[in-house]
Structure formats: C-alpha cells, structure tokens
Protein backbone atom coordinates (compact mmCIF):
# COMPACT_ATOMS: atom_id res chain seq x y z
CA MET A 1 90.51 80.79 70.01
CA LYS A 2 89.78 77.61 72.06
CA HIS A 3 86.47 79.20 73.47
CA LEU A 4 85.26 80.18 70.14
CA LEU A 5 85.92 76.61 68.73
CA SER A 6 84.03 75.34 71.67
CA LEU A 7 81.13 77.48 70.98
CA LEU A 8 81.07 76.46 67.25
CA LEU A 9 81.02 72.84 68.14
CA LEU A 10 78.20 73.38 70.58
CA SER A 11 76.22 75.14 68.04
CA ILE A 12 76.79 72.41 65.42
CA MET A 13 75.82 69.64 67.81
CA ALA A 14 72.74 71.53 68.82
CA ALA A 15 71.76 72.10 65.26
CA THR A 16 72.50 68.53 64.34
CA GLU A 17 70.49 67.17 67.32
CA THR A 18 67.42 69.62 66.52
CA MET A 19 67.36 68.69 62.98
CA ALA A 20 67.33 64.87 63.69
CA GLN A 21 64.00 65.54 65.41
CA GLY A 22 62.67 68.42 63.56
CA VAL A 23 61.47 71.84 64.85
CA MET A 24 57.83 72.68 64.94
CA ASP A 25 57.15 76.42 63.94
CA VAL A 26 53.68 77.60 65.23
CA HIS A 27 53.85 81.05 63.70
CA SER A 28 54.00 81.27 59.95
CA HIS A 29 51.58 82.73 57.48
CA ILE A 30 49.81 81.81 54.33
CA ILE A 31 49.12 84.62 51.81
CA THR A 32 46.89 83.37 49.01
CA PRO A 33 46.02 84.84 45.61
CA GLU A 34 42.46 85.05 46.58
CA PHE A 35 43.40 86.84 49.85
CA LEU A 36 45.49 89.44 47.92
CA SER A 37 42.77 89.82 45.23
CA ALA A 38 40.13 90.65 47.91
CA LEU A 39 42.34 93.19 49.67
CA GLU A 40 43.24 94.94 46.37
CA SER A 41 39.56 95.21 45.38
CA GLU A 42 38.92 96.93 48.89
CA GLY A 43 41.94 99.06 48.58
CA ARG A 44 43.41 97.69 51.71
CA LEU A 45 46.77 96.14 50.61
CA THR A 46 48.67 98.22 53.00
CA ASP A 47 46.08 98.58 55.71
CA GLU A 48 48.53 97.36 58.30
CA GLY A 49 50.98 100.13 57.40
CA PHE A 50 53.43 97.90 55.26
CA PRO A 51 53.09 95.82 52.08
CA LEU A 52 52.32 92.25 52.41
CA PRO A 53 55.26 89.75 51.46
CA LYS A 54 54.91 87.22 48.84
CA TYR A 55 54.17 83.69 49.72
CA ASP A 56 55.19 80.43 47.92
CA ALA A 57 54.74 77.01 49.43
CA GLU A 58 57.73 75.63 47.70
CA ALA A 59 60.10 78.28 48.81
CA HIS A 60 58.69 77.75 52.34
CA LEU A 61 59.36 74.19 52.25
CA LYS A 62 62.95 74.82 50.91
CA TRP A 63 63.65 77.20 53.80
CA MET A 64 62.02 74.55 56.37
CA ASP A 65 64.27 71.77 55.05
CA GLU A 66 67.54 74.07 55.13
CA THR A 67 66.74 74.98 58.63
CA GLY A 68 65.52 71.64 60.11
CA ILE A 69 61.97 72.64 60.51
CA ARG A 70 59.82 69.51 60.22
CA THR A 71 56.26 71.27 60.52
CA SER A 72 54.92 74.70 60.15
CA VAL A 73 51.55 75.84 61.27
CA LEU A 74 49.90 78.30 58.81
CA THR A 75 47.55 81.12 59.64
CA LEU A 76 46.12 83.82 57.35
CA ALA A 77 47.98 87.03 57.43
CA ALA A 78 46.30 90.45 58.38
CA PRO A 79 44.32 92.43 57.62
CA GLN A 80 40.92 90.69 57.67
CA PRO A 81 38.87 90.72 54.36
CA LYS A 82 35.56 92.47 54.88
CA ALA A 83 32.60 90.21 55.79
CA TYR A 84 29.53 92.33 55.09
CA PRO A 85 28.32 92.94 51.41
CA HIS A 86 27.41 96.61 52.25
CA THR A 87 30.91 97.55 53.12
CA LEU A 88 32.37 96.12 49.78
CA PRO A 89 33.18 98.02 46.57
CA GLU A 90 30.82 97.23 43.75
CA GLY A 91 31.42 93.73 42.64
CA GLY A 92 33.59 92.82 45.64
CA GLU A 93 33.54 89.34 47.26
CA PRO A 94 32.15 89.03 50.62
CA GLY A 95 34.95 88.31 53.32
CA CYS A 96 33.09 84.90 54.27
CA SER A 97 33.70 83.55 50.67
CA VAL A 98 37.24 84.81 50.62
CA ILE A 99 37.98 83.27 53.99
CA ARG A 100 36.42 80.11 52.92
CA ARG A 101 38.60 79.77 49.98
CA CYS A 102 41.67 80.69 51.97
CA ASN A 103 40.87 77.99 54.42
CA GLU A 104 40.52 75.54 51.52
CA ALA A 105 43.88 76.48 50.02
CA ALA A 106 45.55 75.90 53.38
CA ALA A 107 43.78 72.55 53.75
CA ARG A 108 45.12 71.52 50.29
CA LEU A 109 48.74 72.59 51.34
CA LYS A 110 48.39 70.33 54.47
CA GLN A 111 46.97 67.43 52.31
CA GLU A 112 49.61 67.71 49.48
CA HIS A 113 52.56 67.82 52.09
CA PRO A 114 51.63 65.29 54.78
CA GLY A 115 53.49 66.25 58.13
CA ARG A 116 54.96 69.54 56.72
CA PHE A 117 52.11 71.82 57.26
CA LEU A 118 49.27 72.24 59.66
CA PHE A 119 46.81 75.27 59.52
CA CYS A 120 44.65 77.18 61.71
CA ALA A 121 41.35 78.39 60.03
CA ALA A 122 40.42 82.10 59.64
CA LEU A 123 36.90 83.18 60.46
CA PRO A 124 34.61 85.86 59.09
CA LEU A 125 34.24 88.07 62.00
CA PRO A 126 32.69 90.26 63.08
CA ASP A 127 29.85 88.08 61.74
CA VAL A 128 29.56 85.68 64.74
CA ASP A 129 27.11 83.31 63.18
CA ALA A 130 29.16 82.91 60.05
CA ALA A 131 32.27 82.51 62.05
CA ILE A 132 30.57 79.70 64.02
CA ARG A 133 29.56 78.05 60.86
CA GLU A 134 33.12 78.42 59.45
CA ALA A 135 34.85 76.94 62.58
CA VAL A 136 32.65 73.89 62.55
CA TYR A 137 33.14 73.56 58.92
CA ALA A 138 36.97 73.99 59.03
CA LEU A 139 37.60 71.78 62.10
CA ASP A 140 35.23 69.06 60.98
CA THR A 141 35.39 68.92 57.30
CA LEU A 142 38.68 70.55 56.28
CA LYS A 143 40.45 69.03 59.23
CA ALA A 144 41.97 72.27 60.44
CA ASP A 145 44.33 71.99 63.42
CA GLY A 146 42.88 75.13 65.03
CA ILE A 147 41.49 78.40 64.59
CA LYS A 148 43.22 81.77 64.01
CA LEU A 149 41.63 84.84 65.60
CA ALA A 150 42.62 88.31 65.12
CA THR A 151 42.90 90.57 68.17
CA ASN A 152 40.09 92.72 66.60
CA VAL A 153 38.01 92.92 63.58
CA CYS A 154 36.44 96.03 62.77
CA GLY A 155 36.63 97.12 66.53
CA GLN A 156 35.25 93.92 67.71
CA TYR A 157 37.70 92.78 70.44
CA LEU A 158 38.48 89.42 71.84
CA GLY A 159 36.70 89.38 75.15
CA SER A 160 33.62 91.11 73.81
CA PRO A 161 30.35 89.74 75.22
CA GLU A 162 29.12 89.02 71.54
CA LEU A 163 31.95 86.48 70.94
CA ASP A 164 30.83 84.35 73.98
CA THR A 165 28.61 82.16 71.67
CA LEU A 166 31.74 81.48 69.46
CA PHE A 167 33.85 80.64 72.27
CA SER A 168 31.26 78.36 73.69
CA VAL A 169 31.50 76.34 70.32
CA LEU A 170 35.19 76.45 70.25
CA ASN A 171 35.16 75.07 73.83
CA GLU A 172 32.83 72.21 72.79
CA LEU A 173 35.33 71.53 69.80
CA ARG A 174 38.46 71.75 72.26
CA ALA A 175 39.95 74.11 69.74
CA VAL A 176 43.59 75.42 69.71
CA ILE A 177 43.39 79.14 68.91
CA ILE A 178 46.37 81.12 67.62
CA LEU A 179 46.01 84.81 68.05
CA HIS A 180 47.58 87.61 65.95
CA PRO A 181 47.37 91.38 66.26
CA HIS A 182 45.66 93.40 63.58
CA ARG A 183 45.57 97.18 63.21
CA PRO A 184 43.62 98.58 66.23
CA GLU A 185 40.33 100.16 65.82
CA PRO A 186 40.15 103.14 65.98
CA VAL A 187 43.69 103.95 64.86
CA ASN A 188 45.61 107.05 65.26
CA ARG A 189 47.22 107.30 61.75
CA GLN A 190 49.73 110.05 62.61
CA VAL A 191 51.25 107.56 65.31
CA MET A 192 51.07 104.60 62.93
CA GLN A 193 53.20 106.58 60.34
CA GLN A 194 55.75 107.56 63.02
CA THR A 195 56.07 104.39 64.74
CA PRO A 196 54.76 101.37 62.48
CA LEU A 197 52.31 98.79 63.93
CA ALA A 198 54.94 96.14 64.03
CA MET A 199 57.24 98.00 66.12
CA GLN A 200 54.90 98.69 69.15
CA GLU A 201 51.31 98.79 68.39
CA TYR A 202 51.06 95.16 67.71
CA LEU A 203 52.25 94.50 71.10
CA SER A 204 49.90 96.75 72.70
CA GLU A 205 47.09 95.28 70.53
CA THR A 206 48.06 91.56 71.66
CA THR A 207 48.06 92.67 75.26
CA ARG A 208 44.85 94.69 75.00
CA ALA A 209 42.91 91.60 73.64
CA VAL A 210 44.33 89.04 76.09
CA THR A 211 43.71 91.30 79.16
CA ASN A 212 40.15 91.98 77.66
CA MET A 213 39.63 88.33 77.76
CA ILE A 214 41.07 87.71 81.25
CA SER A 215 38.99 90.77 82.70
CA ARG A 216 35.77 88.97 81.52
CA ASN A 217 37.07 85.43 82.73
CA VAL A 218 36.80 84.04 79.22
CA LEU A 219 39.46 81.49 79.33
CA ALA A 220 38.29 80.21 82.74
CA ARG A 221 34.65 79.93 81.46
CA TYR A 222 35.78 78.09 78.56
CA PRO A 223 38.59 75.88 79.86
CA ASP A 224 38.81 73.60 77.01
CA VAL A 225 40.30 76.10 74.43
CA LYS A 226 44.02 76.60 74.51
CA VAL A 227 45.34 80.19 73.12
CA VAL A 228 48.75 80.87 71.59
CA VAL A 229 49.75 84.40 72.34
CA PRO A 230 52.29 85.58 69.56
CA HIS A 231 55.65 87.60 69.70
CA CYS A 232 56.94 86.42 72.93
CA GLY A 233 53.75 87.21 74.86
CA ALA A 234 53.86 91.07 73.97
CA TYR A 235 53.59 93.21 77.33
CA LEU A 236 51.69 90.41 79.28
CA PRO A 237 54.57 89.74 81.87
CA LEU A 238 54.29 93.46 82.88
CA ALA A 239 50.52 93.71 82.50
CA ILE A 240 49.37 90.49 84.56
CA PRO A 241 51.03 91.56 87.73
CA ARG A 242 49.37 95.05 87.37
CA MET A 243 46.04 93.55 86.72
CA LYS A 244 46.19 91.44 89.70
CA SER A 245 47.31 94.24 91.87
CA LEU A 246 44.53 96.58 90.66
CA THR A 247 41.74 93.84 90.64
CA PRO A 248 40.46 94.42 94.24
CA VAL A 249 40.06 98.17 93.65
CA MET A 250 38.19 97.42 90.15
CA GLN A 251 35.99 94.88 91.88
CA LYS A 252 35.05 97.16 94.79
CA ASN A 253 34.05 99.83 92.43
CA ARG A 254 32.09 97.11 90.38
CA MET A 255 34.16 97.65 87.18
CA VAL A 256 35.13 93.92 86.84
CA GLY A 257 33.73 90.66 88.32
CA GLU A 258 35.53 87.66 89.66
CA ILE A 259 38.74 86.86 87.96
CA ASP A 260 40.27 83.51 88.10
CA TYR A 261 43.73 84.17 87.25
CA ALA A 262 45.06 80.77 87.61
CA ALA A 263 42.42 79.18 85.18
CA ASN A 264 42.98 82.09 82.61
CA LEU A 265 46.56 81.92 82.55
CA ALA A 266 46.66 78.27 82.31
CA ALA A 267 44.91 78.49 78.88
CA LEU A 268 47.61 80.56 77.51
CA TYR A 269 50.76 79.57 75.50
CA TYR A 270 53.47 81.83 74.06
CA ASP A 271 55.29 81.65 70.65
CA LEU A 272 58.71 83.24 70.58
CA ALA A 273 58.56 84.85 67.27
CA GLY A 274 60.27 88.17 66.94
CA ALA A 275 62.82 89.51 69.55
CA HIS A 276 63.30 86.37 71.62
CA SER A 277 66.27 86.05 73.94
CA PRO A 278 67.09 84.31 77.12
CA GLU A 279 66.09 87.56 79.16
CA VAL A 280 62.61 87.30 77.50
CA ILE A 281 62.16 83.89 78.23
CA ARG A 282 62.90 84.26 81.74
CA MET A 283 60.43 87.15 82.00
CA LEU A 284 57.75 84.88 80.40
CA LEU A 285 58.50 82.27 82.96
CA THR A 286 57.05 84.78 85.64
CA VAL A 287 53.58 84.26 84.19
CA THR A 288 53.78 80.68 82.63
CA GLN A 289 55.42 77.21 82.75
CA PRO A 290 58.07 75.96 80.48
CA ASP A 291 55.66 73.67 78.75
CA HIS A 292 53.73 76.65 77.45
CA LEU A 293 56.42 78.14 75.49
CA LEU A 294 56.73 77.42 71.64
CA TYR A 295 59.13 78.21 68.76
CA GLY A 296 57.68 80.57 66.12
CA SER A 297 59.29 82.22 63.20
CA ASP A 298 56.80 84.60 61.51
CA TYR A 299 57.67 83.37 58.07
CA PRO A 300 57.60 85.15 55.46
CA TYR A 301 57.59 88.50 57.22
CA ALA A 302 61.50 88.49 57.43
CA ALA A 303 64.10 87.42 54.93
CA PRO A 304 64.78 83.53 55.28
CA GLN A 305 68.40 84.08 56.01
CA VAL A 306 67.25 86.49 58.94
CA LEU A 307 64.93 83.75 60.19
CA THR A 308 67.61 81.10 59.89
CA GLN A 309 70.03 83.22 61.98
CA SER A 310 67.20 83.60 64.63
CA LEU A 311 66.63 80.16 65.08
CA GLY A 312 70.44 79.29 65.19
CA ARG A 313 70.80 81.93 68.01
CA MET A 314 67.83 80.38 69.95
CA LYS A 315 69.33 76.83 69.58
CA HIS A 316 72.70 78.08 70.74
CA TYR A 317 71.33 79.84 74.00
CA LEU A 318 68.92 76.91 74.67
CA THR A 319 72.02 74.88 74.89
CA SER A 320 74.54 77.12 76.68
CA GLU A 321 72.22 78.76 79.18
CA ARG A 322 72.13 76.22 82.05
CA ASP A 323 68.90 77.45 83.37
CA LEU A 324 67.10 77.20 80.07
CA ALA A 325 68.88 74.14 78.57
CA PRO A 326 66.46 71.67 80.19
CA TYR A 327 63.72 73.33 78.11
CA LYS A 328 65.31 73.32 74.76
CA GLU A 329 63.58 70.15 73.14
CA MET A 330 60.24 71.34 74.74
CA ILE A 331 60.39 74.87 73.10
CA LEU A 332 61.59 73.66 69.80
CA TRP A 333 59.11 70.85 69.20
CA LYS A 334 57.80 68.87 72.24
CA ASN A 335 55.38 71.47 73.56
CA ALA A 336 54.09 72.15 70.07
CA GLU A 337 53.62 68.33 69.51
CA LYS A 338 51.51 68.14 72.51
CA LEU A 339 49.40 71.05 72.01
CA PHE A 340 48.45 70.03 68.54
CA ASP A 341 48.44 66.18 69.65
CA LYS A 342 51.10 65.26 66.74
C-alpha cells in the first residue's frame, strides 16, 4: 500500500510539474471540411483502410487544456488529394487547390489561437513544381512552422531523384519536415485487409522512405533540413545497423554510392506517438541522441481518454526510470521548443 501511494504521489508531482511548463505535441492532425469533400468526390475516404476521424478545434483545445499540452503541431491527415486534373472525377477540385485551402485553414487556427497551434503545410506532390510553389508560399506568407511530407504520393517515394529540387528549396528555407506514412504504392489489398496499414505497413512505409533518403545521401546533401520521423522511429533502430553492415557490399556492386551515415542520422528526430515505452526509447537511443526525441499524441486518431492515459504513462516512466528521468523535460517540451525555435 505504501508503495502504491508513493507511485501515485510521484505521478501527481510529475503531472503538476509538466502542466506548469506545458507539453509540446509534435504529432497531431487537422482534418478540414475541404479535405473531406475532396476525398469524397474522389471516392477515397477509406483509402487508408479505415475511416477518417472527425476533427474539431475546440474539442482539441479542450483535450489539450485537460492534459497539460500547451502547443500542438498540426499536419494534414492521409490520404493525399489528387494533384492532377486528369485523375479527378468530373467537376473535382485539383489537389493543389484543396491543399492550399487546407493550409490556409491551418494558418487561421494558428492565428486565432496564439501559442496553442503550430502547423506544417502539406504539398501537392507528385507535382514537384507546384509543391515548391506551395512550400514557399506556406513558409513565407502563411508563416507555416514546417512542411509535412507523405512517405509516398502515387508511388513517388521520398528519396526519389525528382524530389532533389524540392529538397534543395527546403534546405535553403531551413525547413522542419514532419513525415507521415501513407498507403504504399503499389499495395496488396488482401494483405491490407488482413493486417490493416496502421498495424504494420505504416511502420514499413516509414522505414522504407527514410532508408531510401539515407541510401541516396539526401539528408547529408541538404543539411539544413530537419526531419521528424513518426511512430517511435518505426523499424529504423533495426534497419540502420543492417544498412551499415551491407553498405560495403552494395558499394562494391555499385548499387549505392557514398553514404554519410553520421550526417544523415543527425537530421532525424523521432516522435513517440503510438506504442511508446521505456524499452522503445532505449532502442531509439542506439541510433539517436536524447535531444532528438519528441512527444507526439496522434490526435484525433485515438479516443481522448486513451491519449490522456498514454501521456500519463509516459510522464510516469520518465520520472521513475532512473536512466530516462534526465530526459523528461527534453522529450515533453524542450526538444520541440528548440526544433521549432519557440
């Protein structure tokens, strides 16, 4: 009984201390009416294998207030609206227009609630020229706090050579990039039905996109971009050592060029949305540093009470686990403040 009371007191103290400062949530989603309307007209509301949750800014703020979250970073949910007119149903709105209106909606939320919301703008890929125009407009005019990139759009994966011009611009703008997995292309629909994307393929998709960038040395070549990897780093703690061990063989067979692993990994940050735990954090620390770990909720993709319990559990083990306790404030807000310069 005494032990339980001590744990309860510890949890209350940790929650009180964190609420006094305010957590920064780098992984939350905005789902706007124009986004839903575009997907409905394209017949793609369940493209990711599950229905999109409802989003309401006031409900989001209420949950943030109740949970001690000072600021949430908003990104557009999956899937990506189609960018090219010839791919649309008759009368459909091109994705570049939809994405512009979604970015403007996120900018209004940020303006209406100072200090509560930041946002990373979506881009109308796979049209690279349109994506560059939107990135410049969003960062310069809308005052976006970064850019959201899907792991792939219509089979155009991050790390693809045609995206180098976009990364060159984002590098000049010193952009923060938040990644998010989307449905792989091509996709095996039978596998997707048996094992929904969110259960496994999203982790593979994230790992696939990041390792694709590393294998082409993208992040080393554009060192002024910072990339947030979602969902506890997916399979990267396992994939990166394997990549390193196989690189000499791949280079001997002229399958890859020079890879600056230190420079590539230095650009990567990791949010802890999803199945976080002390063990997961320790595994991440084999490929990164404590100042690259960030809290993320994935709001509104789980019930608020589930997300509240998840954050409470994180606060508890970041207080009670001796090796992780020094990183509590870093993970809950300090690292995100520094990354977004807030």
